[in-house]
Amino acid sequence: MLRYGAVRPGERPAAAEEAHAVLVGMLERVARAGRLRVPVATAAQMVQAASVGVALTLITIRPGAGAATCPRAPATSC
């Protein structure tokens, strides 16, 4: 999840809190279905870390870049 706003250590903007609550809610449903192998809090941290990594990678791709620099499947153009 990409988040905007002034960031201060130890504080989350309201939009970030809302996004986190939505993510935790989804992961809790997955856990109740027996499909989660780690605690919900750990899964939420993992999803957020992966999302940040993807967002940072995508913003570094220049428009019109070929498949060699595209993180998506080779059949998909960026």
PDB file of N, CA and C in Angstrom:
ATOM      1  N   MET A   1       0.833  -1.167   0.000  1.00  0.00           N
ATOM      2  CA  MET A   1       0.000   0.000   0.000  1.00  0.00           C
ATOM      3  C   MET A   1       0.879   1.231   0.000  1.00  0.00           C
ATOM      4  N   LEU A   2       0.613   2.088  -0.929  1.00  0.00           N
ATOM      5  CA  LEU A   2       1.358   3.319  -0.988  1.00  0.00           C
ATOM      6  C   LEU A   2       0.638   4.347  -0.123  1.00  0.00           C
ATOM      7  N   ARG A   3       1.389   5.008   0.730  1.00  0.00           N
ATOM      8  CA  ARG A   3       0.776   5.947   1.668  1.00  0.00           C
ATOM      9  C   ARG A   3       1.360   7.329   1.482  1.00  0.00           C
ATOM     10  N   TYR A   4       0.509   8.322   1.593  1.00  0.00           N
ATOM     11  CA  TYR A   4       0.931   9.703   1.457  1.00  0.00           C
ATOM     12  C   TYR A   4       0.751  10.414   2.787  1.00  0.00           C
ATOM     13  N   GLY A   5       1.513  11.468   2.983  1.00  0.00           N
ATOM     14  CA  GLY A   5       1.327  12.277   4.169  1.00  0.00           C
ATOM     15  C   GLY A   5       2.621  12.503   4.903  1.00  0.00           C
ATOM     16  N   ALA A   6       2.554  13.340   5.902  1.00  0.00           N
ATOM     17  CA  ALA A   6       3.718  13.624   6.730  1.00  0.00           C
ATOM     18  C   ALA A   6       3.969  12.422   7.636  1.00  0.00           C
ATOM     19  N   VAL A   7       5.173  11.915   7.593  1.00  0.00           N
ATOM     20  CA  VAL A   7       5.514  10.741   8.388  1.00  0.00           C
ATOM     21  C   VAL A   7       6.364  11.160   9.572  1.00  0.00           C
ATOM     22  N   ARG A   8       5.951  10.728  10.747  1.00  0.00           N
ATOM     23  CA  ARG A   8       6.709  10.996  11.965  1.00  0.00           C
ATOM     24  C   ARG A   8       6.956   9.665  12.653  1.00  0.00           C
ATOM     25  N   PRO A   9       8.150   9.451  13.163  1.00  0.00           N
ATOM     26  CA  PRO A   9       8.436   8.175  13.839  1.00  0.00           C
ATOM     27  C   PRO A   9       7.408   7.890  14.933  1.00  0.00           C
ATOM     28  N   GLY A  10       6.884   6.667  14.925  1.00  0.00           N
ATOM     29  CA  GLY A  10       5.932   6.258  15.944  1.00  0.00           C
ATOM     30  C   GLY A  10       4.504   6.680  15.690  1.00  0.00           C
ATOM     31  N   GLU A  11       4.261   7.435  14.618  1.00  0.00           N
ATOM     32  CA  GLU A  11       2.908   7.893  14.306  1.00  0.00           C
ATOM     33  C   GLU A  11       2.531   7.446  12.902  1.00  0.00           C
ATOM     34  N   ARG A  12       1.261   7.098  12.711  1.00  0.00           N
ATOM     35  CA  ARG A  12       0.737   6.753  11.393  1.00  0.00           C
ATOM     36  C   ARG A  12      -0.371   7.730  11.037  1.00  0.00           C
ATOM     37  N   PRO A  13      -0.370   8.211   9.799  1.00  0.00           N
ATOM     38  CA  PRO A  13      -1.499   9.043   9.368  1.00  0.00           C
ATOM     39  C   PRO A  13      -2.796   8.225   9.422  1.00  0.00           C
ATOM     40  N   ALA A  14      -3.920   8.894   9.516  1.00  0.00           N
ATOM     41  CA  ALA A  14      -5.215   8.220   9.611  1.00  0.00           C
ATOM     42  C   ALA A  14      -5.442   7.289   8.425  1.00  0.00           C
ATOM     43  N   ALA A  15      -5.044   7.702   7.228  1.00  0.00           N
ATOM     44  CA  ALA A  15      -5.229   6.854   6.044  1.00  0.00           C
ATOM     45  C   ALA A  15      -4.420   5.568   6.164  1.00  0.00           C
ATOM     46  N   ALA A  16      -3.229   5.663   6.740  1.00  0.00           N
ATOM     47  CA  ALA A  16      -2.386   4.479   6.925  1.00  0.00           C
ATOM     48  C   ALA A  16      -3.014   3.539   7.951  1.00  0.00           C
ATOM     49  N   GLU A  17      -3.579   4.091   8.997  1.00  0.00           N
ATOM     50  CA  GLU A  17      -4.264   3.268  10.007  1.00  0.00           C
ATOM     51  C   GLU A  17      -5.445   2.534   9.385  1.00  0.00           C
ATOM     52  N   GLU A  18      -6.194   3.238   8.549  1.00  0.00           N
ATOM     53  CA  GLU A  18      -7.352   2.629   7.904  1.00  0.00           C
ATOM     54  C   GLU A  18      -6.908   1.508   6.958  1.00  0.00           C
ATOM     55  N   ALA A  19      -5.872   1.762   6.181  1.00  0.00           N
ATOM     56  CA  ALA A  19      -5.361   0.742   5.255  1.00  0.00           C
ATOM     57  C   ALA A  19      -4.855  -0.478   6.019  1.00  0.00           C
ATOM     58  N   HIS A  20      -4.175  -0.244   7.131  1.00  0.00           N
ATOM     59  CA  HIS A  20      -3.666  -1.341   7.944  1.00  0.00           C
ATOM     60  C   HIS A  20      -4.822  -2.161   8.527  1.00  0.00           C
ATOM     61  N   ALA A  21      -5.857  -1.482   8.980  1.00  0.00           N
ATOM     62  CA  ALA A  21      -7.025  -2.180   9.534  1.00  0.00           C
ATOM     63  C   ALA A  21      -7.701  -3.045   8.472  1.00  0.00           C
ATOM     64  N   VAL A  22      -7.796  -2.544   7.258  1.00  0.00           N
ATOM     65  CA  VAL A  22      -8.392  -3.328   6.165  1.00  0.00           C
ATOM     66  C   VAL A  22      -7.539  -4.564   5.895  1.00  0.00           C
ATOM     67  N   LEU A  23      -6.230  -4.382   5.817  1.00  0.00           N
ATOM     68  CA  LEU A  23      -5.318  -5.505   5.576  1.00  0.00           C
ATOM     69  C   LEU A  23      -5.425  -6.550   6.689  1.00  0.00           C
ATOM     70  N   VAL A  24      -5.403  -6.117   7.925  1.00  0.00           N
ATOM     71  CA  VAL A  24      -5.507  -7.046   9.059  1.00  0.00           C
ATOM     72  C   VAL A  24      -6.847  -7.784   9.015  1.00  0.00           C
ATOM     73  N   GLY A  25      -7.912  -7.074   8.668  1.00  0.00           N
ATOM     74  CA  GLY A  25      -9.225  -7.716   8.559  1.00  0.00           C
ATOM     75  C   GLY A  25      -9.228  -8.826   7.513  1.00  0.00           C
ATOM     76  N   MET A  26      -8.619  -8.549   6.372  1.00  0.00           N
ATOM     77  CA  MET A  26      -8.543  -9.579   5.327  1.00  0.00           C
ATOM     78  C   MET A  26      -7.711 -10.767   5.791  1.00  0.00           C
ATOM     79  N   LEU A  27      -6.595 -10.486   6.436  1.00  0.00           N
ATOM     80  CA  LEU A  27      -5.721 -11.561   6.899  1.00  0.00           C
ATOM     81  C   LEU A  27      -6.365 -12.370   8.025  1.00  0.00           C
ATOM     82  N   GLU A  28      -7.170 -11.726   8.846  1.00  0.00           N
ATOM     83  CA  GLU A  28      -7.884 -12.463   9.896  1.00  0.00           C
ATOM     84  C   GLU A  28      -8.865 -13.456   9.282  1.00  0.00           C
ATOM     85  N   ARG A  29      -9.532 -13.060   8.208  1.00  0.00           N
ATOM     86  CA  ARG A  29     -10.448 -13.987   7.522  1.00  0.00           C
ATOM     87  C   ARG A  29      -9.668 -15.161   6.926  1.00  0.00           C
ATOM     88  N   VAL A  30      -8.502 -14.878   6.368  1.00  0.00           N
ATOM     89  CA  VAL A  30      -7.656 -15.944   5.821  1.00  0.00           C
ATOM     90  C   VAL A  30      -7.229 -16.893   6.940  1.00  0.00           C
ATOM     91  N   ALA A  31      -6.854 -16.326   8.085  1.00  0.00           N
ATOM     92  CA  ALA A  31      -6.427 -17.141   9.226  1.00  0.00           C
ATOM     93  C   ALA A  31      -7.574 -18.015   9.737  1.00  0.00           C
ATOM     94  N   ARG A  32      -8.773 -17.444   9.829  1.00  0.00           N
ATOM     95  CA  ARG A  32      -9.934 -18.224  10.290  1.00  0.00           C
ATOM     96  C   ARG A  32     -10.239 -19.393   9.349  1.00  0.00           C
ATOM     97  N   ALA A  33      -9.920 -19.216   8.078  1.00  0.00           N
ATOM     98  CA  ALA A  33     -10.142 -20.284   7.097  1.00  0.00           C
ATOM     99  C   ALA A  33      -9.023 -21.326   7.142  1.00  0.00           C
ATOM    100  N   GLY A  34      -8.055 -21.120   8.037  1.00  0.00           N
ATOM    101  CA  GLY A  34      -6.959 -22.071   8.174  1.00  0.00           C
ATOM    102  C   GLY A  34      -5.921 -21.992   7.064  1.00  0.00           C
ATOM    103  N   ARG A  35      -5.838 -20.846   6.391  1.00  0.00           N
ATOM    104  CA  ARG A  35      -4.956 -20.706   5.245  1.00  0.00           C
ATOM    105  C   ARG A  35      -3.740 -19.832   5.527  1.00  0.00           C
ATOM    106  N   LEU A  36      -3.506 -19.487   6.776  1.00  0.00           N
ATOM    107  CA  LEU A  36      -2.377 -18.620   7.133  1.00  0.00           C
ATOM    108  C   LEU A  36      -1.456 -19.388   8.067  1.00  0.00           C
ATOM    109  N   ARG A  37      -0.174 -19.421   7.753  1.00  0.00           N
ATOM    110  CA  ARG A  37       0.766 -20.217   8.543  1.00  0.00           C
ATOM    111  C   ARG A  37       1.581 -19.380   9.531  1.00  0.00           C
ATOM    112  N   VAL A  38       1.391 -18.086   9.530  1.00  0.00           N
ATOM    113  CA  VAL A  38       2.078 -17.200  10.470  1.00  0.00           C
ATOM    114  C   VAL A  38       1.016 -16.363  11.172  1.00  0.00           C
ATOM    115  N   PRO A  39       1.364 -15.739  12.294  1.00  0.00           N
ATOM    116  CA  PRO A  39       0.394 -14.867  12.958  1.00  0.00           C
ATOM    117  C   PRO A  39      -0.050 -13.721  12.044  1.00  0.00           C
ATOM    118  N   VAL A  40      -1.258 -13.242  12.250  1.00  0.00           N
ATOM    119  CA  VAL A  40      -1.813 -12.165  11.428  1.00  0.00           C
ATOM    120  C   VAL A  40      -0.884 -10.949  11.421  1.00  0.00           C
ATOM    121  N   ALA A  41      -0.363 -10.561  12.567  1.00  0.00           N
ATOM    122  CA  ALA A  41       0.513  -9.384  12.628  1.00  0.00           C
ATOM    123  C   ALA A  41       1.760  -9.577  11.777  1.00  0.00           C
ATOM    124  N   THR A  42       2.322 -10.772  11.803  1.00  0.00           N
ATOM    125  CA  THR A  42       3.510 -11.059  10.994  1.00  0.00           C
ATOM    126  C   THR A  42       3.160 -11.019   9.518  1.00  0.00           C
ATOM    127  N   ALA A  43       2.034 -11.609   9.159  1.00  0.00           N
ATOM    128  CA  ALA A  43       1.598 -11.603   7.764  1.00  0.00           C
ATOM    129  C   ALA A  43       1.372 -10.171   7.276  1.00  0.00           C
ATOM    130  N   ALA A  44       0.787  -9.332   8.119  1.00  0.00           N
ATOM    131  CA  ALA A  44       0.545  -7.936   7.738  1.00  0.00           C
ATOM    132  C   ALA A  44       1.866  -7.219   7.484  1.00  0.00           C
ATOM    133  N   GLN A  45       2.853  -7.447   8.339  1.00  0.00           N
ATOM    134  CA  GLN A  45       4.165  -6.830   8.131  1.00  0.00           C
ATOM    135  C   GLN A  45       4.801  -7.319   6.836  1.00  0.00           C
ATOM    136  N   MET A  46       4.645  -8.600   6.543  1.00  0.00           N
ATOM    137  CA  MET A  46       5.213  -9.168   5.322  1.00  0.00           C
ATOM    138  C   MET A  46       4.552  -8.572   4.078  1.00  0.00           C
ATOM    139  N   VAL A  47       3.234  -8.461   4.104  1.00  0.00           N
ATOM    140  CA  VAL A  47       2.517  -7.892   2.959  1.00  0.00           C
ATOM    141  C   VAL A  47       2.904  -6.432   2.765  1.00  0.00           C
ATOM    142  N   GLN A  48       2.990  -5.681   3.847  1.00  0.00           N
ATOM    143  CA  GLN A  48       3.367  -4.275   3.735  1.00  0.00           C
ATOM    144  C   GLN A  48       4.783  -4.115   3.209  1.00  0.00           C
ATOM    145  N   ALA A  49       5.709  -4.931   3.680  1.00  0.00           N
ATOM    146  CA  ALA A  49       7.089  -4.860   3.201  1.00  0.00           C
ATOM    147  C   ALA A  49       7.168  -5.187   1.714  1.00  0.00           C
ATOM    148  N   ALA A  50       6.449  -6.221   1.305  1.00  0.00           N
ATOM    149  CA  ALA A  50       6.443  -6.587  -0.114  1.00  0.00           C
ATOM    150  C   ALA A  50       5.820  -5.477  -0.955  1.00  0.00           C
ATOM    151  N   SER A  51       4.762  -4.867  -0.455  1.00  0.00           N
ATOM    152  CA  SER A  51       4.089  -3.797  -1.191  1.00  0.00           C
ATOM    153  C   SER A  51       5.008  -2.596  -1.380  1.00  0.00           C
ATOM    154  N   VAL A  52       5.742  -2.241  -0.353  1.00  0.00           N
ATOM    155  CA  VAL A  52       6.694  -1.132  -0.457  1.00  0.00           C
ATOM    156  C   VAL A  52       7.768  -1.468  -1.483  1.00  0.00           C
ATOM    157  N   GLY A  53       8.274  -2.690  -1.440  1.00  0.00           N
ATOM    158  CA  GLY A  53       9.285  -3.105  -2.401  1.00  0.00           C
ATOM    159  C   GLY A  53       8.784  -3.035  -3.834  1.00  0.00           C
ATOM    160  N   VAL A  54       7.568  -3.500  -4.068  1.00  0.00           N
ATOM    161  CA  VAL A  54       6.989  -3.452  -5.410  1.00  0.00           C
ATOM    162  C   VAL A  54       6.803  -2.006  -5.854  1.00  0.00           C
ATOM    163  N   ALA A  55       6.258  -1.171  -4.981  1.00  0.00           N
ATOM    164  CA  ALA A  55       6.034   0.233  -5.331  1.00  0.00           C
ATOM    165  C   ALA A  55       7.349   0.925  -5.677  1.00  0.00           C
ATOM    166  N   LEU A  56       8.384   0.701  -4.877  1.00  0.00           N
ATOM    167  CA  LEU A  56       9.670   1.331  -5.154  1.00  0.00           C
ATOM    168  C   LEU A  56      10.275   0.813  -6.453  1.00  0.00           C
ATOM    169  N   THR A  57      10.107  -0.456  -6.729  1.00  0.00           N
ATOM    170  CA  THR A  57      10.611  -1.016  -7.985  1.00  0.00           C
ATOM    171  C   THR A  57       9.870  -0.422  -9.180  1.00  0.00           C
ATOM    172  N   LEU A  58       8.554  -0.348  -9.088  1.00  0.00           N
ATOM    173  CA  LEU A  58       7.765   0.167 -10.205  1.00  0.00           C
ATOM    174  C   LEU A  58       8.062   1.633 -10.515  1.00  0.00           C
ATOM    175  N   ILE A  59       8.332   2.440  -9.498  1.00  0.00           N
ATOM    176  CA  ILE A  59       8.600   3.853  -9.785  1.00  0.00           C
ATOM    177  C   ILE A  59       9.986   4.062 -10.386  1.00  0.00           C
ATOM    178  N   THR A  60      10.833   3.045 -10.359  1.00  0.00           N
ATOM    179  CA  THR A  60      12.155   3.182 -10.963  1.00  0.00           C
ATOM    180  C   THR A  60      12.167   2.767 -12.430  1.00  0.00           C
ATOM    181  N   ILE A  61      11.077   2.176 -12.918  1.00  0.00           N
ATOM    182  CA  ILE A  61      11.013   1.737 -14.312  1.00  0.00           C
ATOM    183  C   ILE A  61      10.634   2.914 -15.187  1.00  0.00           C
ATOM    184  N   ARG A  62      11.476   3.202 -16.158  1.00  0.00           N
ATOM    185  CA  ARG A  62      11.183   4.335 -17.034  1.00  0.00           C
ATOM    186  C   ARG A  62      10.090   3.949 -18.026  1.00  0.00           C
ATOM    187  N   PRO A  63       9.273   4.905 -18.424  1.00  0.00           N
ATOM    188  CA  PRO A  63       8.201   4.617 -19.375  1.00  0.00           C
ATOM    189  C   PRO A  63       8.774   4.035 -20.671  1.00  0.00           C
ATOM    190  N   GLY A  64       8.113   3.010 -21.199  1.00  0.00           N
ATOM    191  CA  GLY A  64       8.545   2.401 -22.448  1.00  0.00           C
ATOM    192  C   GLY A  64       9.676   1.412 -22.298  1.00  0.00           C
ATOM    193  N   ALA A  65      10.057   1.078 -21.071  1.00  0.00           N
ATOM    194  CA  ALA A  65      11.145   0.126 -20.857  1.00  0.00           C
ATOM    195  C   ALA A  65      10.730  -1.237 -21.397  1.00  0.00           C
ATOM    196  N   GLY A  66      11.685  -1.961 -21.913  1.00  0.00           N
ATOM    197  CA  GLY A  66      11.411  -3.277 -22.475  1.00  0.00           C
ATOM    198  C   GLY A  66      11.237  -4.332 -21.407  1.00  0.00           C
ATOM    199  N   ALA A  67      10.969  -5.552 -21.841  1.00  0.00           N
ATOM    200  CA  ALA A  67      10.723  -6.665 -20.925  1.00  0.00           C
ATOM    201  C   ALA A  67      11.927  -6.957 -20.042  1.00  0.00           C
ATOM    202  N   ALA A  68      13.133  -6.640 -20.494  1.00  0.00           N
ATOM    203  CA  ALA A  68      14.332  -6.934 -19.701  1.00  0.00           C
ATOM    204  C   ALA A  68      14.345  -6.147 -18.395  1.00  0.00           C
ATOM    205  N   THR A  69      13.700  -4.992 -18.372  1.00  0.00           N
ATOM    206  CA  THR A  69      13.677  -4.186 -17.147  1.00  0.00           C
ATOM    207  C   THR A  69      12.323  -4.201 -16.480  1.00  0.00           C
ATOM    208  N   CYS A  70      11.389  -4.956 -17.032  1.00  0.00           N
ATOM    209  CA  CYS A  70      10.038  -5.008 -16.502  1.00  0.00           C
ATOM    210  C   CYS A  70       9.907  -6.157 -15.513  1.00  0.00           C
ATOM    211  N   PRO A  71       9.412  -5.904 -14.284  1.00  0.00           N
ATOM    212  CA  PRO A  71       9.286  -6.980 -13.289  1.00  0.00           C
ATOM    213  C   PRO A  71       8.111  -7.916 -13.560  1.00  0.00           C
ATOM    214  N   ARG A  72       7.261  -7.568 -14.517  1.00  0.00           N
ATOM    215  CA  ARG A  72       6.100  -8.406 -14.803  1.00  0.00           C
ATOM    216  C   ARG A  72       6.496  -9.571 -15.704  1.00  0.00           C
ATOM    217  N   ALA A  73       5.548 -10.434 -15.945  1.00  0.00           N
ATOM    218  CA  ALA A  73       5.795 -11.602 -16.804  1.00  0.00           C
ATOM    219  C   ALA A  73       6.254 -11.146 -18.184  1.00  0.00           C
ATOM    220  N   PRO A  74       7.145 -11.912 -18.834  1.00  0.00           N
ATOM    221  CA  PRO A  74       7.681 -11.511 -20.139  1.00  0.00           C
ATOM    222  C   PRO A  74       6.614 -11.225 -21.189  1.00  0.00           C
ATOM    223  N   ALA A  75       5.477 -11.903 -21.118  1.00  0.00           N
ATOM    224  CA  ALA A  75       4.423 -11.690 -22.104  1.00  0.00           C
ATOM    225  C   ALA A  75       3.680 -10.387 -21.886  1.00  0.00           C
ATOM    226  N   THR A  76       3.892  -9.748 -20.732  1.00  0.00           N
ATOM    227  CA  THR A  76       3.192  -8.516 -20.399  1.00  0.00           C
ATOM    228  C   THR A  76       4.120  -7.340 -20.614  1.00  0.00           C
ATOM    229  N   SER A  77       3.658  -6.334 -21.313  1.00  0.00           N
ATOM    230  CA  SER A  77       4.507  -5.155 -21.507  1.00  0.00           C
ATOM    231  C   SER A  77       4.283  -4.169 -20.377  1.00  0.00           C
ATOM    232  N   CYS A  78       5.306  -3.398 -20.077  1.00  0.00           N
ATOM    233  CA  CYS A  78       5.198  -2.395 -19.005  1.00  0.00           C
ATOM    234  C   CYS A  78       4.590  -1.120 -19.531  1.00  0.00           C
TER     235      CYS A  78
END
